[in-house]
Amino acid sequence: MTEEITQPTSKSAPANRATDGPFDESEANPVRPYIDLGGIKILPREGLNLRLEVEEQSKRIVAVGLDYEGSSLQVQPFAAPRTLGLWHETRMQLIDQVRQQGGRVQEREGALGQELLAEVPGPASEGSQLRLARFIGVDGPRWFLRGVINGAAASDPAAAEKVEDLFRSIVVVRGGTPMPPRDLIPLKMPATPGTA
């Protein structure tokens, strides 16, 4: 089995993903009070602030931002092939992007497997100073969940543990509709706050 890890197309996920998350819809506890955002479900918790990131032109939701305990976690669910993972290839693309933007990036082993620790230039309006960000990703059955961590959890281990726990509590709802790999699984506004 060790050969699979070195193949760039193999899946990248913690060994206990099915029991500790992030979860596939088929693995989630049906009685928990999730906030339904379409492609993902979020378990509400004290102090969690949720933001939907909308693309200007299309007006579609392209990411979910979660502010929690002095950190922010941006998540995006993507369709993936049944047998192949996307995280290995996505990491290589992110490394190139960060370097092209004038940032620095290092690959390292994290709590969820391989991750990227990057210093990325902030917006020009903020003086383009380098900001620390962690890029995490997990391949699930027919989906890939990507996260970007900013704030305290990018560097502080105690804060990181809380945000990693938040990431692992997410449920991905792939649905049965055929989708090309790497397509964003559609996200939607929650019906009413705090309901599933």
N, C-alpha and C. Protein backbone atom coordinates (compact mmCIF):
# COMPACT_ATOMS: atom_id res chain seq x y z
N MET A 1 0.81 -1.21 0.00
CA MET A 1 0.00 0.00 0.00
C MET A 1 0.85 1.27 0.00
N THR A 2 2.09 1.23 0.42
CA THR A 2 2.90 2.45 0.51
C THR A 2 3.13 3.07 -0.86
N GLU A 3 3.07 2.28 -1.93
CA GLU A 3 3.26 2.83 -3.27
C GLU A 3 2.22 3.89 -3.58
N GLU A 4 0.96 3.68 -3.12
CA GLU A 4 -0.13 4.59 -3.44
C GLU A 4 0.15 6.00 -2.96
N ILE A 5 0.80 6.15 -1.84
CA ILE A 5 1.05 7.47 -1.26
C ILE A 5 1.91 8.32 -2.19
N THR A 6 2.84 7.70 -2.89
CA THR A 6 3.74 8.46 -3.75
C THR A 6 3.11 8.79 -5.11
N GLN A 7 2.04 8.11 -5.47
CA GLN A 7 1.40 8.41 -6.75
C GLN A 7 0.66 9.73 -6.64
N PRO A 8 0.86 10.65 -7.59
CA PRO A 8 0.23 11.95 -7.49
C PRO A 8 -1.28 11.93 -7.63
N THR A 9 -1.86 10.81 -8.09
CA THR A 9 -3.31 10.76 -8.29
C THR A 9 -4.03 10.03 -7.16
N SER A 10 -3.28 9.49 -6.18
CA SER A 10 -3.95 8.77 -5.09
C SER A 10 -4.68 9.76 -4.20
N LYS A 11 -5.60 9.23 -3.39
CA LYS A 11 -6.35 10.10 -2.49
C LYS A 11 -5.48 10.49 -1.29
N SER A 12 -5.70 11.70 -0.80
CA SER A 12 -4.97 12.20 0.35
C SER A 12 -5.99 12.54 1.44
N ALA A 13 -6.01 11.74 2.50
CA ALA A 13 -6.96 11.96 3.58
C ALA A 13 -6.44 11.27 4.83
N PRO A 14 -6.81 11.77 6.02
CA PRO A 14 -6.42 11.07 7.23
C PRO A 14 -7.03 9.66 7.22
N ALA A 15 -6.33 8.70 7.80
CA ALA A 15 -6.80 7.31 7.82
C ALA A 15 -8.16 7.20 8.50
N ASN A 16 -8.46 8.09 9.45
CA ASN A 16 -9.72 8.03 10.19
C ASN A 16 -10.77 9.01 9.65
N ARG A 17 -10.63 9.44 8.40
CA ARG A 17 -11.57 10.42 7.84
C ARG A 17 -13.02 9.99 7.95
N ALA A 18 -13.34 8.75 7.65
CA ALA A 18 -14.73 8.29 7.65
C ALA A 18 -15.37 8.37 9.04
N THR A 19 -14.56 8.27 10.10
CA THR A 19 -15.12 8.32 11.46
C THR A 19 -14.92 9.67 12.13
N ASP A 20 -13.87 10.43 11.74
CA ASP A 20 -13.56 11.71 12.39
C ASP A 20 -13.73 12.92 11.48
N GLY A 21 -14.07 12.70 10.20
CA GLY A 21 -14.33 13.80 9.28
C GLY A 21 -13.07 14.32 8.60
N PRO A 22 -13.32 15.22 7.61
CA PRO A 22 -14.61 15.67 7.12
C PRO A 22 -15.43 14.50 6.57
N PHE A 23 -16.74 14.62 6.71
CA PHE A 23 -17.62 13.49 6.43
C PHE A 23 -18.28 13.58 5.07
N ASP A 24 -18.56 12.42 4.51
CA ASP A 24 -19.46 12.32 3.38
C ASP A 24 -20.87 12.36 3.96
N GLU A 25 -21.82 12.82 3.18
CA GLU A 25 -23.21 12.88 3.66
C GLU A 25 -23.67 11.52 4.19
N SER A 26 -23.22 10.44 3.57
CA SER A 26 -23.64 9.09 3.99
C SER A 26 -23.05 8.70 5.35
N GLU A 27 -22.02 9.43 5.82
CA GLU A 27 -21.36 9.10 7.10
C GLU A 27 -21.80 10.01 8.25
N ALA A 28 -22.53 11.08 7.92
CA ALA A 28 -22.89 12.07 8.94
C ALA A 28 -24.01 11.58 9.84
N ASN A 29 -24.02 12.10 11.06
CA ASN A 29 -25.07 11.79 12.02
C ASN A 29 -26.34 12.55 11.61
N PRO A 30 -27.41 11.84 11.22
CA PRO A 30 -28.59 12.52 10.68
C PRO A 30 -29.35 13.37 11.69
N VAL A 31 -29.15 13.15 12.98
CA VAL A 31 -29.92 13.92 13.98
C VAL A 31 -29.22 15.21 14.41
N ARG A 32 -28.01 15.46 13.94
CA ARG A 32 -27.31 16.69 14.35
C ARG A 32 -27.89 17.90 13.62
N PRO A 33 -27.90 19.06 14.26
CA PRO A 33 -28.56 20.26 13.69
C PRO A 33 -27.66 21.03 12.72
N TYR A 34 -27.34 20.46 11.58
CA TYR A 34 -26.44 21.10 10.63
C TYR A 34 -27.08 22.32 9.96
N ILE A 35 -26.24 23.29 9.60
CA ILE A 35 -26.65 24.40 8.74
C ILE A 35 -26.41 23.92 7.31
N ASP A 36 -27.48 23.85 6.52
CA ASP A 36 -27.40 23.29 5.17
C ASP A 36 -27.03 24.39 4.17
N LEU A 37 -25.85 24.26 3.58
CA LEU A 37 -25.38 25.23 2.59
C LEU A 37 -25.27 24.59 1.20
N GLY A 38 -26.05 23.53 0.99
CA GLY A 38 -26.02 22.83 -0.30
C GLY A 38 -24.89 21.82 -0.34
N GLY A 39 -23.75 22.21 -0.95
CA GLY A 39 -22.61 21.30 -1.10
C GLY A 39 -21.92 20.91 0.20
N ILE A 40 -22.14 21.71 1.25
CA ILE A 40 -21.60 21.34 2.57
C ILE A 40 -22.63 21.65 3.65
N LYS A 41 -22.46 20.97 4.77
CA LYS A 41 -23.26 21.25 5.96
C LYS A 41 -22.28 21.57 7.09
N ILE A 42 -22.63 22.59 7.86
CA ILE A 42 -21.78 23.05 8.95
C ILE A 42 -22.49 22.81 10.26
N LEU A 43 -21.78 22.28 11.23
CA LEU A 43 -22.33 22.08 12.57
C LEU A 43 -22.16 23.39 13.35
N PRO A 44 -23.27 24.02 13.77
CA PRO A 44 -23.13 25.28 14.49
C PRO A 44 -22.40 25.06 15.82
N ARG A 45 -21.64 26.06 16.23
CA ARG A 45 -20.97 26.00 17.53
C ARG A 45 -20.84 27.42 18.07
N GLU A 46 -20.71 27.51 19.37
CA GLU A 46 -20.59 28.80 20.05
C GLU A 46 -19.43 29.61 19.47
N GLY A 47 -19.68 30.87 19.09
CA GLY A 47 -18.62 31.74 18.61
C GLY A 47 -18.27 31.61 17.14
N LEU A 48 -19.02 30.78 16.41
CA LEU A 48 -18.75 30.58 14.99
C LEU A 48 -19.53 31.59 14.16
N ASN A 49 -18.84 32.31 13.29
CA ASN A 49 -19.49 33.28 12.40
C ASN A 49 -19.31 32.79 10.97
N LEU A 50 -20.40 32.72 10.24
CA LEU A 50 -20.40 32.16 8.90
C LEU A 50 -20.56 33.27 7.85
N ARG A 51 -19.75 33.24 6.80
CA ARG A 51 -19.83 34.20 5.70
C ARG A 51 -19.89 33.43 4.38
N LEU A 52 -20.75 33.89 3.48
CA LEU A 52 -20.80 33.28 2.15
C LEU A 52 -20.06 34.22 1.20
N GLU A 53 -19.13 33.67 0.45
CA GLU A 53 -18.34 34.47 -0.49
C GLU A 53 -18.94 34.31 -1.89
N VAL A 54 -19.40 35.45 -2.45
CA VAL A 54 -20.15 35.44 -3.70
C VAL A 54 -19.31 36.05 -4.83
N GLU A 55 -19.34 35.38 -5.98
CA GLU A 55 -18.65 35.86 -7.17
C GLU A 55 -19.45 37.04 -7.75
N GLU A 56 -18.77 38.15 -8.01
CA GLU A 56 -19.44 39.38 -8.47
C GLU A 56 -20.34 39.15 -9.68
N GLN A 57 -19.75 38.66 -10.79
CA GLN A 57 -20.50 38.57 -12.05
C GLN A 57 -21.63 37.54 -12.02
N SER A 58 -21.32 36.33 -11.58
CA SER A 58 -22.31 35.25 -11.65
C SER A 58 -23.28 35.26 -10.46
N LYS A 59 -22.90 35.96 -9.40
CA LYS A 59 -23.69 36.01 -8.15
C LYS A 59 -23.82 34.63 -7.49
N ARG A 60 -22.95 33.69 -7.88
CA ARG A 60 -23.02 32.37 -7.24
C ARG A 60 -22.08 32.34 -6.04
N ILE A 61 -22.44 31.52 -5.07
CA ILE A 61 -21.61 31.37 -3.87
C ILE A 61 -20.43 30.49 -4.25
N VAL A 62 -19.19 30.97 -4.03
CA VAL A 62 -18.01 30.23 -4.45
C VAL A 62 -17.20 29.68 -3.27
N ALA A 63 -17.50 30.15 -2.05
CA ALA A 63 -16.77 29.65 -0.88
C ALA A 63 -17.57 30.00 0.37
N VAL A 64 -17.26 29.27 1.43
CA VAL A 64 -17.86 29.56 2.73
C VAL A 64 -16.73 29.97 3.67
N GLY A 65 -16.88 31.11 4.29
CA GLY A 65 -15.90 31.59 5.26
C GLY A 65 -16.41 31.35 6.67
N LEU A 66 -15.56 30.78 7.51
CA LEU A 66 -15.92 30.50 8.89
C LEU A 66 -14.94 31.22 9.81
N ASP A 67 -15.43 32.19 10.57
CA ASP A 67 -14.59 32.90 11.53
C ASP A 67 -14.81 32.26 12.89
N TYR A 68 -13.70 31.84 13.52
CA TYR A 68 -13.84 31.08 14.77
C TYR A 68 -12.57 31.22 15.60
N GLU A 69 -12.73 31.61 16.85
CA GLU A 69 -11.62 31.64 17.82
C GLU A 69 -10.39 32.41 17.31
N GLY A 70 -10.60 33.60 16.70
CA GLY A 70 -9.48 34.42 16.25
C GLY A 70 -8.83 33.95 14.96
N SER A 71 -9.49 33.02 14.27
CA SER A 71 -8.97 32.49 13.01
C SER A 71 -10.08 32.50 11.97
N SER A 72 -9.69 32.36 10.71
CA SER A 72 -10.71 32.19 9.68
C SER A 72 -10.36 30.95 8.85
N LEU A 73 -11.40 30.26 8.43
CA LEU A 73 -11.27 29.06 7.61
C LEU A 73 -12.18 29.25 6.41
N GLN A 74 -11.59 29.27 5.22
CA GLN A 74 -12.39 29.34 3.99
C GLN A 74 -12.44 27.94 3.41
N VAL A 75 -13.65 27.45 3.09
CA VAL A 75 -13.77 26.10 2.55
C VAL A 75 -14.50 26.09 1.21
N GLN A 76 -14.10 25.14 0.37
CA GLN A 76 -14.72 24.92 -0.94
C GLN A 76 -14.79 23.42 -1.21
N PRO A 77 -15.98 22.91 -1.55
CA PRO A 77 -16.11 21.49 -1.94
C PRO A 77 -16.08 21.34 -3.46
N PHE A 78 -15.32 20.37 -3.94
CA PHE A 78 -15.22 20.13 -5.38
C PHE A 78 -15.60 18.69 -5.70
N ALA A 79 -16.14 18.49 -6.90
CA ALA A 79 -16.40 17.14 -7.39
C ALA A 79 -15.06 16.49 -7.71
N ALA A 80 -14.98 15.18 -7.49
CA ALA A 80 -13.74 14.45 -7.76
C ALA A 80 -14.09 13.06 -8.31
N PRO A 81 -13.15 12.43 -9.01
CA PRO A 81 -13.39 11.07 -9.48
C PRO A 81 -13.54 10.12 -8.30
N ARG A 82 -14.18 8.99 -8.55
CA ARG A 82 -14.41 8.01 -7.49
C ARG A 82 -13.10 7.45 -6.93
N THR A 83 -12.12 7.20 -7.81
CA THR A 83 -10.90 6.52 -7.36
C THR A 83 -9.68 7.43 -7.22
N LEU A 84 -9.70 8.59 -7.86
CA LEU A 84 -8.53 9.46 -7.83
C LEU A 84 -8.76 10.66 -6.92
N GLY A 85 -7.69 11.14 -6.31
CA GLY A 85 -7.79 12.32 -5.47
C GLY A 85 -7.32 13.56 -6.22
N LEU A 86 -7.68 14.73 -5.69
CA LEU A 86 -7.29 16.00 -6.32
C LEU A 86 -6.28 16.79 -5.50
N TRP A 87 -6.06 16.42 -4.22
CA TRP A 87 -5.25 17.25 -3.34
C TRP A 87 -3.78 17.31 -3.77
N HIS A 88 -3.21 16.21 -4.25
CA HIS A 88 -1.80 16.22 -4.66
C HIS A 88 -1.59 17.24 -5.79
N GLU A 89 -2.44 17.16 -6.82
CA GLU A 89 -2.32 18.06 -7.96
C GLU A 89 -2.63 19.52 -7.55
N THR A 90 -3.66 19.69 -6.73
CA THR A 90 -4.04 21.04 -6.28
C THR A 90 -2.90 21.70 -5.50
N ARG A 91 -2.21 20.92 -4.66
CA ARG A 91 -1.07 21.48 -3.89
C ARG A 91 0.00 22.01 -4.83
N MET A 92 0.32 21.26 -5.89
CA MET A 92 1.34 21.71 -6.83
C MET A 92 0.92 23.03 -7.49
N GLN A 93 -0.36 23.13 -7.86
CA GLN A 93 -0.87 24.36 -8.48
C GLN A 93 -0.79 25.53 -7.49
N LEU A 94 -1.13 25.28 -6.23
CA LEU A 94 -1.08 26.35 -5.21
C LEU A 94 0.36 26.82 -4.98
N ILE A 95 1.30 25.89 -4.97
CA ILE A 95 2.72 26.25 -4.79
C ILE A 95 3.13 27.21 -5.90
N ASP A 96 2.77 26.88 -7.15
CA ASP A 96 3.09 27.74 -8.29
C ASP A 96 2.44 29.11 -8.15
N GLN A 97 1.16 29.13 -7.77
CA GLN A 97 0.42 30.40 -7.64
C GLN A 97 1.06 31.30 -6.59
N VAL A 98 1.36 30.74 -5.42
CA VAL A 98 1.94 31.53 -4.34
C VAL A 98 3.28 32.12 -4.77
N ARG A 99 4.10 31.30 -5.42
CA ARG A 99 5.42 31.79 -5.87
C ARG A 99 5.28 32.86 -6.94
N GLN A 100 4.31 32.71 -7.85
CA GLN A 100 4.09 33.71 -8.90
C GLN A 100 3.64 35.05 -8.30
N GLN A 101 2.95 34.99 -7.16
CA GLN A 101 2.48 36.21 -6.49
C GLN A 101 3.57 36.84 -5.62
N GLY A 102 4.73 36.21 -5.61
CA GLY A 102 5.83 36.75 -4.81
C GLY A 102 5.84 36.27 -3.37
N GLY A 103 5.08 35.20 -3.09
CA GLY A 103 5.04 34.65 -1.74
C GLY A 103 6.02 33.51 -1.57
N ARG A 104 6.06 32.99 -0.34
CA ARG A 104 6.90 31.82 -0.04
C ARG A 104 5.99 30.70 0.43
N VAL A 105 6.38 29.47 0.13
CA VAL A 105 5.52 28.34 0.50
C VAL A 105 6.38 27.12 0.82
N GLN A 106 5.92 26.36 1.81
CA GLN A 106 6.61 25.10 2.14
C GLN A 106 5.56 24.02 2.36
N GLU A 107 5.87 22.82 1.88
CA GLU A 107 4.99 21.68 2.06
C GLU A 107 5.40 20.98 3.35
N ARG A 108 4.41 20.57 4.14
CA ARG A 108 4.73 19.89 5.40
C ARG A 108 3.61 18.93 5.77
N GLU A 109 3.91 18.05 6.71
CA GLU A 109 2.93 17.09 7.20
C GLU A 109 2.15 17.78 8.32
N GLY A 110 0.82 17.81 8.18
CA GLY A 110 -0.02 18.42 9.21
C GLY A 110 -0.96 17.39 9.81
N ALA A 111 -1.88 17.84 10.62
CA ALA A 111 -2.82 16.94 11.29
C ALA A 111 -3.74 16.22 10.30
N LEU A 112 -3.93 16.79 9.11
CA LEU A 112 -4.82 16.19 8.11
C LEU A 112 -4.05 15.58 6.95
N GLY A 113 -2.73 15.49 7.09
CA GLY A 113 -1.89 14.98 6.00
C GLY A 113 -1.04 16.10 5.44
N GLN A 114 -0.66 15.99 4.17
CA GLN A 114 0.18 17.01 3.55
C GLN A 114 -0.58 18.34 3.48
N GLU A 115 0.11 19.42 3.85
CA GLU A 115 -0.49 20.75 3.76
C GLU A 115 0.57 21.74 3.32
N LEU A 116 0.14 22.95 3.02
CA LEU A 116 1.06 24.00 2.63
C LEU A 116 1.02 25.12 3.65
N LEU A 117 2.19 25.57 4.07
CA LEU A 117 2.30 26.75 4.91
C LEU A 117 2.88 27.82 4.01
N ALA A 118 2.13 28.90 3.81
CA ALA A 118 2.53 29.91 2.84
C ALA A 118 2.53 31.30 3.45
N GLU A 119 3.43 32.12 2.95
CA GLU A 119 3.39 33.55 3.23
C GLU A 119 2.96 34.19 1.93
N VAL A 120 1.74 34.75 1.93
CA VAL A 120 1.18 35.32 0.71
C VAL A 120 1.03 36.83 0.85
N PRO A 121 1.29 37.56 -0.24
CA PRO A 121 1.13 39.01 -0.18
C PRO A 121 -0.34 39.37 0.05
N GLY A 122 -0.59 40.26 0.99
CA GLY A 122 -1.94 40.74 1.25
C GLY A 122 -2.36 41.73 0.17
N PRO A 123 -3.61 42.21 0.22
CA PRO A 123 -4.07 43.18 -0.77
C PRO A 123 -3.26 44.47 -0.73
N ALA A 124 -3.15 45.13 -1.86
CA ALA A 124 -2.41 46.39 -1.95
C ALA A 124 -2.96 47.43 -0.98
N SER A 125 -4.29 47.37 -0.74
CA SER A 125 -4.92 48.32 0.18
C SER A 125 -4.39 48.17 1.61
N GLU A 126 -3.82 47.01 1.90
CA GLU A 126 -3.25 46.75 3.23
C GLU A 126 -1.72 46.78 3.20
N GLY A 127 -1.16 47.34 2.13
CA GLY A 127 0.29 47.48 2.05
C GLY A 127 1.02 46.29 1.49
N SER A 128 0.30 45.32 0.95
CA SER A 128 0.88 44.11 0.33
C SER A 128 1.84 43.34 1.25
N GLN A 129 1.66 43.46 2.56
CA GLN A 129 2.53 42.73 3.48
C GLN A 129 2.24 41.24 3.40
N LEU A 130 3.26 40.42 3.66
CA LEU A 130 3.08 38.97 3.62
C LEU A 130 2.24 38.53 4.82
N ARG A 131 1.26 37.67 4.52
CA ARG A 131 0.41 37.12 5.57
C ARG A 131 0.56 35.60 5.56
N LEU A 132 0.51 35.01 6.74
CA LEU A 132 0.64 33.56 6.86
C LEU A 132 -0.70 32.89 6.56
N ALA A 133 -0.66 31.83 5.77
CA ALA A 133 -1.87 31.05 5.45
C ALA A 133 -1.50 29.58 5.37
N ARG A 134 -2.42 28.73 5.82
CA ARG A 134 -2.25 27.28 5.69
C ARG A 134 -3.29 26.77 4.71
N PHE A 135 -2.84 25.98 3.73
CA PHE A 135 -3.74 25.37 2.77
C PHE A 135 -3.87 23.90 3.13
N ILE A 136 -5.10 23.46 3.37
CA ILE A 136 -5.35 22.06 3.74
C ILE A 136 -6.34 21.47 2.75
N GLY A 137 -6.31 20.16 2.61
CA GLY A 137 -7.24 19.50 1.70
C GLY A 137 -7.41 18.05 2.05
N VAL A 138 -8.63 17.55 1.81
CA VAL A 138 -8.93 16.15 2.07
C VAL A 138 -9.75 15.61 0.91
N ASP A 139 -9.32 14.46 0.39
CA ASP A 139 -10.05 13.76 -0.66
C ASP A 139 -11.04 12.80 -0.01
N GLY A 140 -12.31 12.90 -0.40
CA GLY A 140 -13.34 11.98 0.09
C GLY A 140 -13.86 11.15 -1.05
N PRO A 141 -14.97 10.42 -0.81
CA PRO A 141 -15.56 9.63 -1.90
C PRO A 141 -16.25 10.56 -2.91
N ARG A 142 -15.69 10.70 -4.09
CA ARG A 142 -16.24 11.52 -5.18
C ARG A 142 -16.26 13.01 -4.87
N TRP A 143 -15.50 13.45 -3.86
CA TRP A 143 -15.38 14.89 -3.58
C TRP A 143 -14.02 15.21 -3.00
N PHE A 144 -13.69 16.50 -3.03
CA PHE A 144 -12.45 17.02 -2.46
C PHE A 144 -12.82 18.31 -1.71
N LEU A 145 -12.39 18.42 -0.45
CA LEU A 145 -12.68 19.60 0.36
C LEU A 145 -11.38 20.34 0.62
N ARG A 146 -11.36 21.62 0.19
CA ARG A 146 -10.17 22.44 0.35
C ARG A 146 -10.42 23.50 1.40
N GLY A 147 -9.41 23.77 2.22
CA GLY A 147 -9.54 24.82 3.22
C GLY A 147 -8.32 25.73 3.22
N VAL A 148 -8.56 27.01 3.54
CA VAL A 148 -7.48 27.97 3.71
C VAL A 148 -7.65 28.57 5.10
N ILE A 149 -6.60 28.45 5.91
CA ILE A 149 -6.65 28.93 7.30
C ILE A 149 -5.81 30.19 7.43
N ASN A 150 -6.40 31.23 8.01
CA ASN A 150 -5.71 32.48 8.30
C ASN A 150 -5.91 32.83 9.77
N GLY A 151 -5.11 33.77 10.25
CA GLY A 151 -5.25 34.20 11.64
C GLY A 151 -4.44 33.33 12.57
N ALA A 152 -4.87 33.26 13.83
CA ALA A 152 -4.10 32.57 14.87
C ALA A 152 -3.79 31.12 14.50
N ALA A 153 -4.74 30.41 13.87
CA ALA A 153 -4.57 28.98 13.58
C ALA A 153 -3.54 28.71 12.48
N ALA A 154 -3.04 29.76 11.82
CA ALA A 154 -2.00 29.56 10.82
C ALA A 154 -0.66 29.28 11.48
N SER A 155 -0.50 29.72 12.74
CA SER A 155 0.81 29.55 13.40
C SER A 155 0.73 29.00 14.83
N ASP A 156 -0.38 29.18 15.52
CA ASP A 156 -0.49 28.75 16.92
C ASP A 156 -1.10 27.34 17.00
N PRO A 157 -0.37 26.36 17.56
CA PRO A 157 -0.86 24.98 17.59
C PRO A 157 -2.21 24.80 18.30
N ALA A 158 -2.45 25.52 19.41
CA ALA A 158 -3.71 25.37 20.14
C ALA A 158 -4.88 25.88 19.30
N ALA A 159 -4.68 27.04 18.65
CA ALA A 159 -5.73 27.60 17.77
C ALA A 159 -5.92 26.70 16.55
N ALA A 160 -4.82 26.16 16.04
CA ALA A 160 -4.88 25.28 14.87
C ALA A 160 -5.74 24.06 15.15
N GLU A 161 -5.61 23.50 16.34
CA GLU A 161 -6.37 22.31 16.72
C GLU A 161 -7.88 22.59 16.67
N LYS A 162 -8.29 23.77 17.14
CA LYS A 162 -9.71 24.13 17.13
C LYS A 162 -10.25 24.27 15.71
N VAL A 163 -9.46 24.89 14.83
CA VAL A 163 -9.91 25.09 13.45
C VAL A 163 -9.87 23.77 12.68
N GLU A 164 -8.88 22.92 12.96
CA GLU A 164 -8.84 21.60 12.32
C GLU A 164 -10.06 20.78 12.73
N ASP A 165 -10.47 20.90 14.00
CA ASP A 165 -11.66 20.21 14.49
C ASP A 165 -12.91 20.73 13.75
N LEU A 166 -12.97 22.03 13.55
CA LEU A 166 -14.07 22.65 12.79
C LEU A 166 -14.10 22.10 11.37
N PHE A 167 -12.94 22.05 10.70
CA PHE A 167 -12.84 21.52 9.34
C PHE A 167 -13.31 20.07 9.29
N ARG A 168 -12.92 19.30 10.31
CA ARG A 168 -13.27 17.88 10.33
C ARG A 168 -14.75 17.65 10.61
N SER A 169 -15.44 18.64 11.17
CA SER A 169 -16.87 18.48 11.46
C SER A 169 -17.75 18.75 10.23
N ILE A 170 -17.15 19.24 9.14
CA ILE A 170 -17.91 19.58 7.92
C ILE A 170 -18.40 18.30 7.22
N VAL A 171 -19.62 18.39 6.70
CA VAL A 171 -20.19 17.30 5.91
C VAL A 171 -20.26 17.76 4.46
N VAL A 172 -19.73 16.96 3.55
CA VAL A 172 -19.78 17.28 2.13
C VAL A 172 -20.96 16.53 1.50
N VAL A 173 -21.79 17.28 0.79
CA VAL A 173 -22.97 16.71 0.12
C VAL A 173 -22.69 16.73 -1.38
N ARG A 174 -22.18 15.62 -1.88
CA ARG A 174 -21.78 15.54 -3.30
C ARG A 174 -23.00 15.46 -4.20
N GLY A 175 -24.04 14.75 -3.76
CA GLY A 175 -25.23 14.58 -4.59
C GLY A 175 -24.97 13.58 -5.71
N GLY A 176 -26.03 13.18 -6.40
CA GLY A 176 -25.91 12.16 -7.45
C GLY A 176 -25.74 12.71 -8.85
N THR A 177 -25.81 14.03 -9.00
CA THR A 177 -25.70 14.63 -10.34
C THR A 177 -24.29 14.46 -10.89
N PRO A 178 -24.15 13.98 -12.14
CA PRO A 178 -22.81 13.87 -12.72
C PRO A 178 -22.17 15.26 -12.82
N MET A 179 -20.93 15.35 -12.41
CA MET A 179 -20.19 16.61 -12.49
C MET A 179 -18.77 16.34 -12.92
N PRO A 180 -18.18 17.22 -13.74
CA PRO A 180 -16.79 17.04 -14.10
C PRO A 180 -15.90 17.22 -12.87
N PRO A 181 -14.83 16.43 -12.73
CA PRO A 181 -13.90 16.62 -11.63
C PRO A 181 -13.40 18.07 -11.60
N ARG A 182 -13.19 18.59 -10.42
CA ARG A 182 -12.70 19.95 -10.15
C ARG A 182 -13.78 21.02 -10.23
N ASP A 183 -15.01 20.63 -10.58
CA ASP A 183 -16.11 21.60 -10.56
C ASP A 183 -16.51 21.84 -9.10
N LEU A 184 -16.81 23.09 -8.78
CA LEU A 184 -17.27 23.43 -7.45
C LEU A 184 -18.65 22.81 -7.23
N ILE A 185 -18.81 22.08 -6.15
CA ILE A 185 -20.13 21.54 -5.82
C ILE A 185 -20.99 22.73 -5.40
N PRO A 186 -22.19 22.90 -6.00
CA PRO A 186 -22.98 24.10 -5.75
C PRO A 186 -23.28 24.35 -4.26
N LEU A 187 -23.10 25.61 -3.88
CA LEU A 187 -23.39 26.06 -2.52
C LEU A 187 -24.63 26.94 -2.57
N LYS A 188 -25.34 27.03 -1.45
CA LYS A 188 -26.56 27.85 -1.42
C LYS A 188 -26.69 28.54 -0.07
N MET A 189 -27.56 29.54 -0.03
CA MET A 189 -27.88 30.23 1.22
C MET A 189 -28.59 29.24 2.14
N PRO A 190 -28.35 29.32 3.46
CA PRO A 190 -29.12 28.47 4.38
C PRO A 190 -30.58 28.94 4.39
N ALA A 191 -31.50 28.01 4.57
CA ALA A 191 -32.93 28.33 4.56
C ALA A 191 -33.25 29.37 5.64
N THR A 192 -32.99 29.01 6.87
CA THR A 192 -33.08 29.96 7.98
C THR A 192 -31.95 29.63 8.94
N PRO A 193 -31.35 30.62 9.56
CA PRO A 193 -30.20 30.35 10.44
C PRO A 193 -30.53 29.30 11.49
N GLY A 194 -29.60 28.37 11.64
CA GLY A 194 -29.71 27.36 12.71
C GLY A 194 -30.58 26.19 12.38
N THR A 195 -31.13 26.09 11.14
CA THR A 195 -31.94 24.92 10.81
C THR A 195 -31.24 24.11 9.74
N ALA A 196 -31.61 22.84 9.66
CA ALA A 196 -30.98 21.96 8.68
C ALA A 196 -31.69 22.03 7.36
